[in-house]
Amino acid sequence: MCCGPCSIVPLKNILREEFEVHGFFFNPNIHPRAEFLKRLNGTKELAAHMGLHVLYDEEYRAVEFIRGLIGSVDGRTDQDGKPPEGERCSYCYSERLEATAKAAKAKGYEAFTSSLLYSKYQNHGEIIELAEGLSLKYGVDFFYRDFRDGWVEGIVESKEIGLYRQKYCGCIYSKIERYSKKKKVK
């Protein structure tokens, strides 16, 4: 679970299929700490609202995440001095999905999935490919569903519940990009 709003539709869909569902919050990419805490608390609010058991990694790990990211791209940057966007996201997906698959294996769960499959802004194909590889690596099934068709439903319901709604993906680089875009003048 990356946050409360993005988890609503996947959870509702999976719960309709009568699975026993547990959440897992592991988001070392989120920066700054205040943002991490808002998303953690939003996930806790949703879990309480839905009566969902969630495993929480509440440690703020942004520095560790950024160091790992920089190492993964061998120090390469784009014209703005940031690690290349596609490679940043690949690293993020990989770290979070691997932690999820490991946790599923350690806890004896039969399968894992991700709220990343809800976002129309994420690279859906890459997420699936990574998750399928991790499924083989850890011997835990990857539960795939395309949750993007519930995009508007998730937005509406998160507002009705009163969940914190973030304005960027989570990492420092997505925050910089979100807030550095120049507004168009009419």
N, C-alpha and C. Protein backbone atom coordinates (compact mmCIF):
# COMPACT_ATOMS: atom_id res chain seq x y z
N MET A 1 0.85 -1.18 0.00
CA MET A 1 0.00 0.00 0.00
C MET A 1 0.89 1.23 0.00
N CYS A 2 0.75 2.06 -1.03
CA CYS A 2 1.57 3.27 -1.08
C CYS A 2 0.93 4.39 -0.28
N CYS A 3 -0.40 4.39 -0.19
CA CYS A 3 -1.13 5.42 0.54
C CYS A 3 -2.59 4.97 0.63
N GLY A 4 -3.37 5.71 1.41
CA GLY A 4 -4.78 5.37 1.53
C GLY A 4 -5.57 5.51 0.24
N PRO A 5 -5.51 6.69 -0.42
CA PRO A 5 -6.32 6.88 -1.62
C PRO A 5 -6.08 5.84 -2.73
N CYS A 6 -4.82 5.49 -2.97
CA CYS A 6 -4.52 4.53 -4.03
C CYS A 6 -4.84 3.09 -3.65
N SER A 7 -5.13 2.85 -2.38
CA SER A 7 -5.41 1.49 -1.92
C SER A 7 -6.89 1.14 -1.91
N ILE A 8 -7.75 2.14 -1.97
CA ILE A 8 -9.19 1.90 -1.85
C ILE A 8 -9.70 0.93 -2.92
N VAL A 9 -9.51 1.25 -4.16
CA VAL A 9 -10.05 0.43 -5.26
C VAL A 9 -9.44 -0.98 -5.28
N PRO A 10 -8.11 -1.12 -5.18
CA PRO A 10 -7.57 -2.48 -5.14
C PRO A 10 -8.16 -3.30 -3.98
N LEU A 11 -8.25 -2.70 -2.81
CA LEU A 11 -8.78 -3.44 -1.65
C LEU A 11 -10.24 -3.83 -1.87
N LYS A 12 -11.05 -2.90 -2.33
CA LYS A 12 -12.46 -3.23 -2.56
C LYS A 12 -12.61 -4.35 -3.59
N ASN A 13 -11.82 -4.30 -4.65
CA ASN A 13 -11.89 -5.33 -5.68
C ASN A 13 -11.46 -6.69 -5.16
N ILE A 14 -10.36 -6.72 -4.43
CA ILE A 14 -9.86 -8.00 -3.91
C ILE A 14 -10.80 -8.56 -2.85
N LEU A 15 -11.31 -7.69 -1.99
CA LEU A 15 -12.23 -8.15 -0.95
C LEU A 15 -13.53 -8.70 -1.53
N ARG A 16 -13.94 -8.20 -2.68
CA ARG A 16 -15.13 -8.74 -3.36
C ARG A 16 -14.95 -10.20 -3.74
N GLU A 17 -13.69 -10.58 -3.95
CA GLU A 17 -13.39 -11.96 -4.35
C GLU A 17 -13.22 -12.88 -3.14
N GLU A 18 -13.52 -12.33 -1.97
CA GLU A 18 -13.54 -13.10 -0.72
C GLU A 18 -12.20 -13.70 -0.32
N PHE A 19 -11.13 -12.96 -0.59
CA PHE A 19 -9.81 -13.37 -0.11
C PHE A 19 -9.62 -12.81 1.30
N GLU A 20 -8.77 -13.45 2.07
CA GLU A 20 -8.32 -12.85 3.32
C GLU A 20 -7.20 -11.91 2.92
N VAL A 21 -7.35 -10.64 3.22
CA VAL A 21 -6.42 -9.62 2.75
C VAL A 21 -5.74 -8.94 3.93
N HIS A 22 -4.44 -8.79 3.81
CA HIS A 22 -3.64 -8.01 4.76
C HIS A 22 -2.89 -6.97 3.95
N GLY A 23 -2.74 -5.80 4.51
CA GLY A 23 -2.00 -4.75 3.84
C GLY A 23 -0.54 -4.75 4.27
N PHE A 24 0.29 -4.08 3.49
CA PHE A 24 1.71 -3.92 3.81
C PHE A 24 2.12 -2.52 3.39
N PHE A 25 2.57 -1.71 4.34
CA PHE A 25 3.00 -0.35 4.07
C PHE A 25 4.51 -0.30 4.16
N PHE A 26 5.17 -0.15 3.03
CA PHE A 26 6.63 -0.03 2.95
C PHE A 26 6.92 0.98 1.85
N ASN A 27 7.33 2.17 2.23
CA ASN A 27 7.50 3.25 1.26
C ASN A 27 8.74 4.08 1.57
N PRO A 28 9.92 3.51 1.32
CA PRO A 28 11.16 4.23 1.62
C PRO A 28 11.39 5.42 0.70
N ASN A 29 10.63 5.50 -0.36
CA ASN A 29 10.79 6.55 -1.36
C ASN A 29 10.20 7.88 -0.94
N ILE A 30 9.30 7.90 0.01
CA ILE A 30 8.54 9.11 0.31
C ILE A 30 9.39 10.13 1.08
N HIS A 31 9.34 11.37 0.58
CA HIS A 31 10.10 12.47 1.16
C HIS A 31 9.27 13.74 1.04
N PRO A 32 9.31 14.65 1.99
CA PRO A 32 10.04 14.64 3.25
C PRO A 32 9.32 13.80 4.31
N ARG A 33 9.89 13.80 5.51
CA ARG A 33 9.35 13.01 6.61
C ARG A 33 7.89 13.36 6.89
N ALA A 34 7.55 14.65 6.85
CA ALA A 34 6.16 15.07 7.10
C ALA A 34 5.22 14.42 6.09
N GLU A 35 5.65 14.32 4.85
CA GLU A 35 4.83 13.67 3.81
C GLU A 35 4.70 12.18 4.10
N PHE A 36 5.80 11.56 4.49
CA PHE A 36 5.79 10.14 4.85
C PHE A 36 4.76 9.89 5.96
N LEU A 37 4.78 10.73 6.97
CA LEU A 37 3.85 10.56 8.10
C LEU A 37 2.39 10.78 7.67
N LYS A 38 2.15 11.74 6.79
CA LYS A 38 0.78 11.96 6.30
C LYS A 38 0.27 10.74 5.55
N ARG A 39 1.12 10.14 4.72
CA ARG A 39 0.70 8.95 3.96
C ARG A 39 0.55 7.74 4.87
N LEU A 40 1.43 7.60 5.84
CA LEU A 40 1.31 6.52 6.82
C LEU A 40 0.00 6.66 7.59
N ASN A 41 -0.28 7.85 8.08
CA ASN A 41 -1.52 8.07 8.84
C ASN A 41 -2.76 7.89 7.97
N GLY A 42 -2.69 8.30 6.71
CA GLY A 42 -3.80 8.09 5.79
C GLY A 42 -4.06 6.61 5.56
N THR A 43 -2.99 5.84 5.48
CA THR A 43 -3.13 4.39 5.31
C THR A 43 -3.74 3.79 6.57
N LYS A 44 -3.34 4.27 7.72
CA LYS A 44 -3.92 3.78 8.98
C LYS A 44 -5.41 4.13 9.08
N GLU A 45 -5.76 5.33 8.63
CA GLU A 45 -7.17 5.72 8.63
C GLU A 45 -7.99 4.80 7.72
N LEU A 46 -7.47 4.52 6.54
CA LEU A 46 -8.18 3.63 5.62
C LEU A 46 -8.30 2.23 6.21
N ALA A 47 -7.22 1.74 6.80
CA ALA A 47 -7.23 0.40 7.40
C ALA A 47 -8.30 0.32 8.50
N ALA A 48 -8.39 1.34 9.33
CA ALA A 48 -9.40 1.37 10.38
C ALA A 48 -10.81 1.42 9.77
N HIS A 49 -10.96 2.23 8.75
CA HIS A 49 -12.25 2.37 8.05
C HIS A 49 -12.72 1.04 7.45
N MET A 50 -11.77 0.28 6.90
CA MET A 50 -12.11 -0.98 6.22
C MET A 50 -11.95 -2.20 7.12
N GLY A 51 -11.45 -2.02 8.33
CA GLY A 51 -11.22 -3.15 9.21
C GLY A 51 -10.12 -4.07 8.70
N LEU A 52 -9.07 -3.48 8.15
CA LEU A 52 -8.00 -4.23 7.51
C LEU A 52 -6.77 -4.32 8.41
N HIS A 53 -6.20 -5.50 8.49
CA HIS A 53 -4.93 -5.70 9.19
C HIS A 53 -3.81 -5.28 8.25
N VAL A 54 -2.90 -4.43 8.75
CA VAL A 54 -1.80 -3.95 7.92
C VAL A 54 -0.48 -4.10 8.69
N LEU A 55 0.53 -4.59 7.99
CA LEU A 55 1.90 -4.60 8.51
C LEU A 55 2.52 -3.27 8.11
N TYR A 56 3.03 -2.53 9.07
CA TYR A 56 3.59 -1.21 8.79
C TYR A 56 5.09 -1.18 9.01
N ASP A 57 5.81 -0.68 8.03
CA ASP A 57 7.20 -0.32 8.23
C ASP A 57 7.15 1.20 8.40
N GLU A 58 7.29 1.64 9.64
CA GLU A 58 7.13 3.05 9.96
C GLU A 58 8.44 3.82 9.98
N GLU A 59 9.51 3.18 9.54
CA GLU A 59 10.81 3.85 9.54
C GLU A 59 10.93 4.74 8.31
N TYR A 60 11.32 5.97 8.54
CA TYR A 60 11.56 6.91 7.45
C TYR A 60 12.91 6.56 6.84
N ARG A 61 12.92 6.15 5.57
CA ARG A 61 14.12 5.61 4.94
C ARG A 61 14.55 6.38 3.68
N ALA A 62 14.20 7.64 3.58
CA ALA A 62 14.48 8.38 2.34
C ALA A 62 15.96 8.48 2.01
N VAL A 63 16.80 8.69 3.01
CA VAL A 63 18.24 8.82 2.74
C VAL A 63 18.78 7.49 2.19
N GLU A 64 18.40 6.40 2.83
CA GLU A 64 18.81 5.07 2.36
C GLU A 64 18.30 4.82 0.93
N PHE A 65 17.06 5.22 0.68
CA PHE A 65 16.47 5.06 -0.65
C PHE A 65 17.25 5.84 -1.71
N ILE A 66 17.55 7.11 -1.42
CA ILE A 66 18.26 7.95 -2.38
C ILE A 66 19.67 7.42 -2.64
N ARG A 67 20.34 6.98 -1.60
CA ARG A 67 21.68 6.39 -1.79
C ARG A 67 21.61 5.16 -2.69
N GLY A 68 20.63 4.31 -2.44
CA GLY A 68 20.46 3.12 -3.27
C GLY A 68 20.14 3.47 -4.70
N LEU A 69 19.29 4.46 -4.88
CA LEU A 69 18.93 4.92 -6.22
C LEU A 69 20.15 5.44 -6.97
N ILE A 70 20.92 6.30 -6.35
CA ILE A 70 22.10 6.86 -7.00
C ILE A 70 23.08 5.75 -7.37
N GLY A 71 23.24 4.79 -6.47
CA GLY A 71 24.11 3.65 -6.77
C GLY A 71 23.59 2.81 -7.92
N SER A 72 22.28 2.71 -8.03
CA SER A 72 21.69 1.88 -9.09
C SER A 72 21.85 2.47 -10.48
N VAL A 73 22.01 3.78 -10.56
CA VAL A 73 22.17 4.42 -11.87
C VAL A 73 23.63 4.85 -12.10
N ASP A 74 24.51 4.35 -11.24
CA ASP A 74 25.95 4.63 -11.36
C ASP A 74 26.26 6.13 -11.45
N GLY A 75 25.48 6.93 -10.73
CA GLY A 75 25.74 8.37 -10.70
C GLY A 75 25.28 9.13 -11.93
N ARG A 76 24.70 8.43 -12.93
CA ARG A 76 24.23 9.13 -14.14
C ARG A 76 23.06 10.06 -13.81
N THR A 77 22.99 11.19 -14.49
CA THR A 77 21.91 12.14 -14.27
C THR A 77 21.38 12.66 -15.60
N ASP A 78 20.20 13.26 -15.53
CA ASP A 78 19.64 13.92 -16.72
C ASP A 78 20.17 15.35 -16.79
N GLN A 79 19.64 16.15 -17.69
CA GLN A 79 20.14 17.52 -17.87
C GLN A 79 19.89 18.40 -16.65
N ASP A 80 18.98 18.00 -15.77
CA ASP A 80 18.70 18.78 -14.56
C ASP A 80 19.46 18.25 -13.34
N GLY A 81 20.34 17.26 -13.56
CA GLY A 81 21.14 16.73 -12.47
C GLY A 81 20.44 15.67 -11.63
N LYS A 82 19.30 15.16 -12.11
CA LYS A 82 18.55 14.14 -11.39
C LYS A 82 18.80 12.77 -12.04
N PRO A 83 18.73 11.69 -11.26
CA PRO A 83 18.81 10.36 -11.89
C PRO A 83 17.72 10.26 -12.97
N PRO A 84 17.99 9.58 -14.07
CA PRO A 84 17.01 9.48 -15.16
C PRO A 84 15.65 8.98 -14.67
N GLU A 85 14.56 9.64 -15.11
CA GLU A 85 13.22 9.37 -14.59
C GLU A 85 12.82 7.90 -14.69
N GLY A 86 12.92 7.29 -15.84
CA GLY A 86 12.51 5.90 -15.97
C GLY A 86 13.28 4.98 -15.04
N GLU A 87 14.56 5.25 -14.89
CA GLU A 87 15.39 4.43 -14.01
C GLU A 87 15.08 4.69 -12.54
N ARG A 88 14.70 5.90 -12.21
CA ARG A 88 14.27 6.20 -10.83
C ARG A 88 13.06 5.38 -10.48
N CYS A 89 12.09 5.39 -11.35
CA CYS A 89 10.85 4.67 -11.09
C CYS A 89 11.10 3.16 -11.05
N SER A 90 11.94 2.67 -11.94
CA SER A 90 12.26 1.24 -11.94
C SER A 90 12.86 0.82 -10.61
N TYR A 91 13.78 1.62 -10.11
CA TYR A 91 14.40 1.33 -8.82
C TYR A 91 13.34 1.32 -7.72
N CYS A 92 12.49 2.31 -7.72
CA CYS A 92 11.44 2.43 -6.72
C CYS A 92 10.50 1.22 -6.76
N TYR A 93 10.00 0.89 -7.94
CA TYR A 93 9.12 -0.28 -8.08
C TYR A 93 9.81 -1.53 -7.55
N SER A 94 11.05 -1.72 -7.96
CA SER A 94 11.80 -2.91 -7.60
C SER A 94 11.98 -3.04 -6.09
N GLU A 95 12.39 -1.96 -5.45
CA GLU A 95 12.61 -1.97 -3.99
C GLU A 95 11.32 -2.28 -3.24
N ARG A 96 10.26 -1.62 -3.62
CA ARG A 96 8.99 -1.77 -2.90
C ARG A 96 8.34 -3.13 -3.17
N LEU A 97 8.37 -3.56 -4.41
CA LEU A 97 7.79 -4.86 -4.73
C LEU A 97 8.59 -6.01 -4.11
N GLU A 98 9.92 -5.87 -4.09
CA GLU A 98 10.73 -6.93 -3.49
C GLU A 98 10.46 -7.03 -1.99
N ALA A 99 10.35 -5.90 -1.32
CA ALA A 99 10.03 -5.93 0.11
C ALA A 99 8.66 -6.57 0.34
N THR A 100 7.73 -6.31 -0.56
CA THR A 100 6.39 -6.88 -0.44
C THR A 100 6.42 -8.39 -0.63
N ALA A 101 7.12 -8.86 -1.66
CA ALA A 101 7.23 -10.30 -1.91
C ALA A 101 7.94 -11.00 -0.74
N LYS A 102 9.01 -10.39 -0.22
CA LYS A 102 9.73 -10.95 0.92
C LYS A 102 8.82 -11.06 2.14
N ALA A 103 8.07 -10.00 2.40
CA ALA A 103 7.16 -10.01 3.56
C ALA A 103 6.08 -11.07 3.38
N ALA A 104 5.56 -11.19 2.17
CA ALA A 104 4.54 -12.21 1.91
C ALA A 104 5.09 -13.60 2.17
N LYS A 105 6.30 -13.84 1.70
CA LYS A 105 6.95 -15.14 1.92
C LYS A 105 7.18 -15.39 3.41
N ALA A 106 7.72 -14.40 4.10
CA ALA A 106 8.04 -14.53 5.53
C ALA A 106 6.79 -14.77 6.38
N LYS A 107 5.68 -14.16 6.00
CA LYS A 107 4.45 -14.29 6.77
C LYS A 107 3.60 -15.48 6.33
N GLY A 108 4.04 -16.18 5.29
CA GLY A 108 3.31 -17.36 4.83
C GLY A 108 2.08 -17.05 3.99
N TYR A 109 2.04 -15.86 3.39
CA TYR A 109 0.91 -15.52 2.53
C TYR A 109 1.05 -16.24 1.19
N GLU A 110 -0.06 -16.49 0.57
CA GLU A 110 -0.06 -17.21 -0.70
C GLU A 110 0.25 -16.32 -1.90
N ALA A 111 -0.03 -15.02 -1.75
CA ALA A 111 0.13 -14.12 -2.89
C ALA A 111 0.38 -12.69 -2.42
N PHE A 112 0.83 -11.85 -3.35
CA PHE A 112 1.00 -10.42 -3.10
C PHE A 112 0.56 -9.66 -4.33
N THR A 113 0.23 -8.39 -4.14
CA THR A 113 -0.09 -7.49 -5.22
C THR A 113 0.36 -6.10 -4.81
N SER A 114 -0.04 -5.07 -5.54
CA SER A 114 0.39 -3.72 -5.22
C SER A 114 -0.65 -2.68 -5.62
N SER A 115 -0.79 -1.66 -4.77
CA SER A 115 -1.65 -0.54 -5.10
C SER A 115 -1.07 0.28 -6.25
N LEU A 116 0.18 0.04 -6.61
CA LEU A 116 0.75 0.71 -7.78
C LEU A 116 -0.05 0.39 -9.04
N LEU A 117 -0.73 -0.73 -9.04
CA LEU A 117 -1.52 -1.15 -10.21
C LEU A 117 -2.81 -0.34 -10.36
N TYR A 118 -3.07 0.55 -9.42
CA TYR A 118 -4.24 1.43 -9.50
C TYR A 118 -3.92 2.72 -10.25
N SER A 119 -2.68 3.18 -10.14
CA SER A 119 -2.33 4.49 -10.68
C SER A 119 -2.16 4.49 -12.19
N LYS A 120 -2.82 5.44 -12.82
CA LYS A 120 -2.67 5.60 -14.27
C LYS A 120 -1.36 6.31 -14.61
N TYR A 121 -0.62 6.73 -13.59
CA TYR A 121 0.64 7.42 -13.81
C TYR A 121 1.86 6.51 -13.71
N GLN A 122 1.67 5.27 -13.31
CA GLN A 122 2.79 4.33 -13.15
C GLN A 122 2.94 3.46 -14.39
N ASN A 123 4.12 2.90 -14.56
CA ASN A 123 4.40 2.03 -15.70
C ASN A 123 3.86 0.62 -15.38
N HIS A 124 2.64 0.41 -15.77
CA HIS A 124 1.91 -0.82 -15.45
C HIS A 124 2.64 -2.08 -15.93
N GLY A 125 3.11 -2.06 -17.16
CA GLY A 125 3.80 -3.23 -17.71
C GLY A 125 5.06 -3.57 -16.94
N GLU A 126 5.82 -2.55 -16.57
CA GLU A 126 7.04 -2.79 -15.82
C GLU A 126 6.74 -3.35 -14.43
N ILE A 127 5.71 -2.83 -13.79
CA ILE A 127 5.32 -3.33 -12.46
C ILE A 127 4.96 -4.81 -12.55
N ILE A 128 4.19 -5.18 -13.55
CA ILE A 128 3.79 -6.58 -13.73
C ILE A 128 5.03 -7.46 -13.95
N GLU A 129 5.91 -7.02 -14.84
CA GLU A 129 7.11 -7.81 -15.15
C GLU A 129 7.98 -8.01 -13.89
N LEU A 130 8.20 -6.94 -13.15
CA LEU A 130 8.99 -7.05 -11.92
C LEU A 130 8.32 -7.98 -10.91
N ALA A 131 7.02 -7.80 -10.71
CA ALA A 131 6.29 -8.62 -9.73
C ALA A 131 6.30 -10.09 -10.12
N GLU A 132 6.16 -10.38 -11.41
CA GLU A 132 6.19 -11.79 -11.84
C GLU A 132 7.56 -12.41 -11.58
N GLY A 133 8.63 -11.65 -11.81
CA GLY A 133 9.97 -12.15 -11.51
C GLY A 133 10.18 -12.38 -10.03
N LEU A 134 9.66 -11.49 -9.21
CA LEU A 134 9.78 -11.65 -7.75
C LEU A 134 8.92 -12.81 -7.24
N SER A 135 7.82 -13.04 -7.92
CA SER A 135 6.97 -14.19 -7.58
C SER A 135 7.77 -15.48 -7.73
N LEU A 136 8.49 -15.59 -8.83
CA LEU A 136 9.33 -16.78 -9.06
C LEU A 136 10.48 -16.84 -8.06
N LYS A 137 11.10 -15.72 -7.80
CA LYS A 137 12.25 -15.66 -6.90
C LYS A 137 11.88 -16.09 -5.48
N TYR A 138 10.72 -15.66 -5.00
CA TYR A 138 10.33 -15.92 -3.61
C TYR A 138 9.31 -17.04 -3.44
N GLY A 139 8.80 -17.56 -4.55
CA GLY A 139 7.84 -18.66 -4.45
C GLY A 139 6.50 -18.24 -3.87
N VAL A 140 6.10 -17.00 -4.15
CA VAL A 140 4.80 -16.48 -3.71
C VAL A 140 4.09 -15.97 -4.95
N ASP A 141 2.84 -16.36 -5.14
CA ASP A 141 2.10 -15.94 -6.32
C ASP A 141 1.95 -14.43 -6.39
N PHE A 142 1.96 -13.90 -7.61
CA PHE A 142 1.66 -12.50 -7.84
C PHE A 142 0.20 -12.43 -8.27
N PHE A 143 -0.60 -11.70 -7.52
CA PHE A 143 -2.02 -11.54 -7.82
C PHE A 143 -2.17 -10.29 -8.68
N TYR A 144 -2.52 -10.50 -9.95
CA TYR A 144 -2.62 -9.38 -10.87
C TYR A 144 -4.08 -9.01 -11.15
N ARG A 145 -4.34 -7.74 -11.05
CA ARG A 145 -5.58 -7.14 -11.54
C ARG A 145 -5.22 -5.73 -12.00
N ASP A 146 -5.87 -5.27 -13.05
CA ASP A 146 -5.70 -3.90 -13.52
C ASP A 146 -6.77 -3.06 -12.82
N PHE A 147 -6.35 -2.28 -11.84
CA PHE A 147 -7.28 -1.49 -11.04
C PHE A 147 -7.49 -0.08 -11.57
N ARG A 148 -6.88 0.25 -12.70
CA ARG A 148 -6.93 1.63 -13.21
C ARG A 148 -8.32 2.08 -13.62
N ASP A 149 -9.18 1.13 -13.97
CA ASP A 149 -10.53 1.55 -14.38
C ASP A 149 -11.32 2.12 -13.20
N GLY A 150 -10.84 1.95 -11.98
CA GLY A 150 -11.50 2.52 -10.81
C GLY A 150 -10.90 3.84 -10.37
N TRP A 151 -10.12 4.49 -11.26
CA TRP A 151 -9.41 5.71 -10.92
C TRP A 151 -10.34 6.77 -10.31
N VAL A 152 -11.42 7.10 -11.00
CA VAL A 152 -12.33 8.15 -10.52
C VAL A 152 -13.02 7.70 -9.23
N GLU A 153 -13.43 6.46 -9.17
CA GLU A 153 -14.07 5.92 -7.96
C GLU A 153 -13.16 6.09 -6.74
N GLY A 154 -11.88 5.80 -6.90
CA GLY A 154 -10.93 5.94 -5.80
C GLY A 154 -10.78 7.38 -5.34
N ILE A 155 -10.76 8.30 -6.28
CA ILE A 155 -10.65 9.72 -5.95
C ILE A 155 -11.88 10.17 -5.17
N VAL A 156 -13.05 9.84 -5.70
CA VAL A 156 -14.30 10.24 -5.05
C VAL A 156 -14.39 9.66 -3.63
N GLU A 157 -14.13 8.37 -3.51
CA GLU A 157 -14.26 7.73 -2.20
C GLU A 157 -13.22 8.24 -1.21
N SER A 158 -12.01 8.49 -1.66
CA SER A 158 -11.00 9.01 -0.73
C SER A 158 -11.40 10.39 -0.20
N LYS A 159 -12.03 11.20 -1.04
CA LYS A 159 -12.52 12.51 -0.60
C LYS A 159 -13.68 12.35 0.38
N GLU A 160 -14.58 11.40 0.09
CA GLU A 160 -15.71 11.15 1.00
C GLU A 160 -15.24 10.71 2.38
N ILE A 161 -14.23 9.86 2.41
CA ILE A 161 -13.69 9.36 3.68
C ILE A 161 -12.89 10.46 4.38
N GLY A 162 -12.36 11.41 3.61
CA GLY A 162 -11.55 12.49 4.17
C GLY A 162 -10.08 12.15 4.30
N LEU A 163 -9.60 11.25 3.44
CA LEU A 163 -8.19 10.85 3.49
C LEU A 163 -7.29 11.94 2.92
N TYR A 164 -6.09 12.02 3.46
CA TYR A 164 -5.09 12.92 2.91
C TYR A 164 -4.79 12.50 1.47
N ARG A 165 -4.82 13.47 0.56
CA ARG A 165 -4.56 13.21 -0.86
C ARG A 165 -3.28 13.94 -1.26
N GLN A 166 -2.26 13.19 -1.60
CA GLN A 166 -0.96 13.76 -1.95
C GLN A 166 -0.99 14.37 -3.35
N LYS A 167 0.00 15.21 -3.60
CA LYS A 167 0.06 15.92 -4.88
C LYS A 167 1.21 15.47 -5.77
N TYR A 168 1.97 14.48 -5.31
CA TYR A 168 3.07 13.97 -6.12
C TYR A 168 3.32 12.52 -5.74
N CYS A 169 4.08 11.82 -6.57
CA CYS A 169 4.29 10.39 -6.41
C CYS A 169 4.87 10.02 -5.05
N GLY A 170 5.87 10.75 -4.59
CA GLY A 170 6.42 10.44 -3.29
C GLY A 170 7.88 10.77 -3.12
N CYS A 171 8.69 10.51 -4.14
CA CYS A 171 10.12 10.75 -3.97
C CYS A 171 10.45 12.23 -4.15
N ILE A 172 11.61 12.60 -3.68
CA ILE A 172 12.07 13.99 -3.76
C ILE A 172 12.07 14.49 -5.21
N TYR A 173 12.41 13.61 -6.13
CA TYR A 173 12.48 14.00 -7.53
C TYR A 173 11.09 14.29 -8.10
N SER A 174 10.10 13.48 -7.72
CA SER A 174 8.74 13.74 -8.21
C SER A 174 8.19 15.02 -7.59
N LYS A 175 8.59 15.31 -6.35
CA LYS A 175 8.16 16.55 -5.71
C LYS A 175 8.77 17.75 -6.45
N ILE A 176 10.04 17.67 -6.73
CA ILE A 176 10.70 18.75 -7.46
C ILE A 176 10.02 18.98 -8.80
N GLU A 177 9.75 17.91 -9.53
CA GLU A 177 9.10 18.04 -10.84
C GLU A 177 7.69 18.61 -10.72
N ARG A 178 6.96 18.17 -9.72
CA ARG A 178 5.58 18.63 -9.53
C ARG A 178 5.52 20.12 -9.27
N TYR A 179 6.41 20.59 -8.40
CA TYR A 179 6.33 21.98 -7.98
C TYR A 179 7.21 22.93 -8.79
N SER A 180 8.03 22.41 -9.70
CA SER A 180 8.87 23.30 -10.50
C SER A 180 8.27 23.58 -11.88
N LYS A 181 7.17 22.91 -12.21
CA LYS A 181 6.54 23.16 -13.50
C LYS A 181 5.98 24.57 -13.51
N LYS A 182 6.28 25.29 -14.57
CA LYS A 182 5.79 26.66 -14.69
C LYS A 182 4.32 26.64 -15.06
N LYS A 183 3.57 27.53 -14.41
CA LYS A 183 2.15 27.64 -14.72
C LYS A 183 1.97 28.38 -16.05
N LYS A 184 1.06 27.89 -16.86
CA LYS A 184 0.80 28.53 -18.14
C LYS A 184 0.01 29.80 -17.92
N VAL A 185 0.40 30.84 -18.60
CA VAL A 185 -0.27 32.13 -18.50
C VAL A 185 -1.22 32.21 -19.69
N LYS A 186 -2.48 32.58 -19.39
CA LYS A 186 -3.48 32.71 -20.46
C LYS A 186 -3.41 34.07 -21.10
